[in-house]
Amino acid sequence: MRALLLAACMAPLLAVPALAQDADRRVDVRTVKCFDVLAADHEDRIAAIFFYYGVHAGIRNIWVVSPRNLEEKAKKVVEICQANPDMPIFDATPKAFQE
């Protein structure tokens, strides 16, 4: 069950071009750049953003979210990434929490 959950969580990241090149390669998710996520199609971009949002929500012990809040935060992450394409998305995501 754990392996299935992990696979489901990692699937969106494999859609990001920089990560999809070699499925056997190990990737430090803290180093994926915003431009890699922005290069993905809309659905894959949102899935990757939600992955990172979930990581940071877990770090911050946030367990209750609203769909409206998720959409607003995802849009904010895209704005941050568009302004800072070389920033790791791992660093961009918590900035959306601050606003």
C-alpha atoms as a PDB file:
ATOM      1  CA  MET A   1       0.000   0.000   0.000  1.00  0.00           C
ATOM      2  CA  ARG A   2       2.819   2.382   0.883  1.00  0.00           C
ATOM      3  CA  ALA A   3       4.533   1.737  -2.449  1.00  0.00           C
ATOM      4  CA  LEU A   4       1.299   2.483  -4.295  1.00  0.00           C
ATOM      5  CA  LEU A   5       0.846   5.744  -2.396  1.00  0.00           C
ATOM      6  CA  LEU A   6       4.439   6.760  -3.082  1.00  0.00           C
ATOM      7  CA  ALA A   7       4.035   5.945  -6.774  1.00  0.00           C
ATOM      8  CA  ALA A   8       0.862   8.031  -6.943  1.00  0.00           C
ATOM      9  CA  CYS A   9       2.636  10.958  -5.303  1.00  0.00           C
ATOM     10  CA  MET A  10       5.672  10.753  -7.565  1.00  0.00           C
ATOM     11  CA  ALA A  11       3.772  10.322 -10.849  1.00  0.00           C
ATOM     12  CA  PRO A  12       3.164  14.056 -11.334  1.00  0.00           C
ATOM     13  CA  LEU A  13       6.875  14.743 -10.973  1.00  0.00           C
ATOM     14  CA  LEU A  14       7.708  12.328 -13.773  1.00  0.00           C
ATOM     15  CA  ALA A  15       5.637  14.491 -16.084  1.00  0.00           C
ATOM     16  CA  VAL A  16       8.023  17.396 -15.507  1.00  0.00           C
ATOM     17  CA  PRO A  17      10.462  17.351 -18.466  1.00  0.00           C
ATOM     18  CA  ALA A  18      13.652  17.569 -16.397  1.00  0.00           C
ATOM     19  CA  LEU A  19      12.600  14.571 -14.341  1.00  0.00           C
ATOM     20  CA  ALA A  20      11.084  12.409 -17.052  1.00  0.00           C
ATOM     21  CA  GLN A  21      14.316  11.940 -19.002  1.00  0.00           C
ATOM     22  CA  ASP A  22      15.522   8.971 -16.985  1.00  0.00           C
ATOM     23  CA  ALA A  23      13.013   7.151 -14.798  1.00  0.00           C
ATOM     24  CA  ASP A  24      15.799   5.273 -12.977  1.00  0.00           C
ATOM     25  CA  ARG A  25      17.572   8.474 -11.988  1.00  0.00           C
ATOM     26  CA  ARG A  26      17.210   9.720  -8.424  1.00  0.00           C
ATOM     27  CA  VAL A  27      16.150  13.335  -8.109  1.00  0.00           C
ATOM     28  CA  ASP A  28      16.391  15.599  -5.100  1.00  0.00           C
ATOM     29  CA  VAL A  29      12.961  17.264  -5.306  1.00  0.00           C
ATOM     30  CA  ARG A  30      14.430  20.303  -3.562  1.00  0.00           C
ATOM     31  CA  THR A  31      16.478  21.124  -6.677  1.00  0.00           C
ATOM     32  CA  VAL A  32      13.822  21.056  -9.445  1.00  0.00           C
ATOM     33  CA  LYS A  33      13.706  24.534 -10.958  1.00  0.00           C
ATOM     34  CA  CYS A  34      10.560  26.541 -11.554  1.00  0.00           C
ATOM     35  CA  PHE A  35      11.261  26.646 -15.302  1.00  0.00           C
ATOM     36  CA  ASP A  36      11.076  22.840 -15.411  1.00  0.00           C
ATOM     37  CA  VAL A  37       7.610  22.873 -13.880  1.00  0.00           C
ATOM     38  CA  LEU A  38       6.453  25.799 -16.022  1.00  0.00           C
ATOM     39  CA  ALA A  39       7.547  23.883 -19.145  1.00  0.00           C
ATOM     40  CA  ALA A  40       5.083  21.083 -18.359  1.00  0.00           C
ATOM     41  CA  ASP A  41       1.545  21.142 -19.723  1.00  0.00           C
ATOM     42  CA  HIS A  42      -1.132  22.709 -17.519  1.00  0.00           C
ATOM     43  CA  GLU A  43      -2.374  19.516 -15.855  1.00  0.00           C
ATOM     44  CA  ASP A  44       1.129  18.230 -15.111  1.00  0.00           C
ATOM     45  CA  ARG A  45       2.187  21.647 -13.831  1.00  0.00           C
ATOM     46  CA  ILE A  46      -0.745  21.787 -11.421  1.00  0.00           C
ATOM     47  CA  ALA A  47      -0.107  18.199 -10.283  1.00  0.00           C
ATOM     48  CA  ALA A  48       3.548  19.030  -9.548  1.00  0.00           C
ATOM     49  CA  ILE A  49       2.565  22.221  -7.706  1.00  0.00           C
ATOM     50  CA  PHE A  50       0.063  20.284  -5.597  1.00  0.00           C
ATOM     51  CA  PHE A  51       2.787  17.740  -4.805  1.00  0.00           C
ATOM     52  CA  TYR A  52       5.044  20.496  -3.486  1.00  0.00           C
ATOM     53  CA  TYR A  53       2.133  22.183  -1.746  1.00  0.00           C
ATOM     54  CA  GLY A  54       1.411  18.900   0.013  1.00  0.00           C
ATOM     55  CA  VAL A  55       5.038  18.524   1.073  1.00  0.00           C
ATOM     56  CA  HIS A  56       5.035  21.990   2.617  1.00  0.00           C
ATOM     57  CA  ALA A  57       1.589  21.544   4.154  1.00  0.00           C
ATOM     58  CA  GLY A  58       2.923  18.418   5.857  1.00  0.00           C
ATOM     59  CA  ILE A  59       6.025  20.256   7.056  1.00  0.00           C
ATOM     60  CA  ARG A  60       3.791  22.999   8.467  1.00  0.00           C
ATOM     61  CA  ASN A  61       1.363  20.479   9.945  1.00  0.00           C
ATOM     62  CA  ILE A  62      -1.530  21.819   7.841  1.00  0.00           C
ATOM     63  CA  TRP A  63      -4.207  19.138   7.506  1.00  0.00           C
ATOM     64  CA  VAL A  64      -7.296  21.089   6.463  1.00  0.00           C
ATOM     65  CA  VAL A  65      -7.440  22.955   3.169  1.00  0.00           C
ATOM     66  CA  SER A  66     -10.171  24.362   0.981  1.00  0.00           C
ATOM     67  CA  PRO A  67     -10.380  23.947  -2.809  1.00  0.00           C
ATOM     68  CA  ARG A  68     -10.481  27.739  -3.217  1.00  0.00           C
ATOM     69  CA  ASN A  69      -7.352  28.105  -1.088  1.00  0.00           C
ATOM     70  CA  LEU A  70      -5.529  25.416  -3.091  1.00  0.00           C
ATOM     71  CA  GLU A  71      -6.386  27.129  -6.370  1.00  0.00           C
ATOM     72  CA  GLU A  72      -5.273  30.534  -5.082  1.00  0.00           C
ATOM     73  CA  LYS A  73      -2.007  29.135  -3.724  1.00  0.00           C
ATOM     74  CA  ALA A  74      -1.312  27.232  -6.980  1.00  0.00           C
ATOM     75  CA  LYS A  75      -1.802  30.438  -8.964  1.00  0.00           C
ATOM     76  CA  LYS A  76       0.536  32.248  -6.576  1.00  0.00           C
ATOM     77  CA  VAL A  77       3.209  29.569  -7.036  1.00  0.00           C
ATOM     78  CA  VAL A  78       2.940  29.998 -10.826  1.00  0.00           C
ATOM     79  CA  GLU A  79       3.329  33.783 -10.444  1.00  0.00           C
ATOM     80  CA  ILE A  80       6.376  33.338  -8.209  1.00  0.00           C
ATOM     81  CA  CYS A  81       7.893  30.850 -10.644  1.00  0.00           C
ATOM     82  CA  GLN A  82       7.254  33.055 -13.663  1.00  0.00           C
ATOM     83  CA  ALA A  83       9.070  35.904 -11.901  1.00  0.00           C
ATOM     84  CA  ASN A  84      11.885  33.580 -10.723  1.00  0.00           C
ATOM     85  CA  PRO A  85      12.320  30.724 -13.230  1.00  0.00           C
ATOM     86  CA  ASP A  86      15.699  29.655 -11.821  1.00  0.00           C
ATOM     87  CA  MET A  87      14.323  29.322  -8.282  1.00  0.00           C
ATOM     88  CA  PRO A  88      13.771  25.777  -7.057  1.00  0.00           C
ATOM     89  CA  ILE A  89      10.035  25.150  -6.865  1.00  0.00           C
ATOM     90  CA  PHE A  90      10.668  23.723  -3.395  1.00  0.00           C
ATOM     91  CA  ASP A  91      11.621  27.285  -2.350  1.00  0.00           C
ATOM     92  CA  ALA A  92       8.871  28.980  -4.369  1.00  0.00           C
ATOM     93  CA  THR A  93       6.026  26.974  -2.862  1.00  0.00           C
ATOM     94  CA  PRO A  94       6.311  28.135   0.764  1.00  0.00           C
ATOM     95  CA  LYS A  95       6.346  31.747  -0.435  1.00  0.00           C
ATOM     96  CA  ALA A  96       2.719  31.190  -1.505  1.00  0.00           C
ATOM     97  CA  PHE A  97       1.889  30.271   2.092  1.00  0.00           C
ATOM     98  CA  GLN A  98       3.201  33.630   3.285  1.00  0.00           C
ATOM     99  CA  GLU A  99       0.743  35.681   1.256  1.00  0.00           C
END
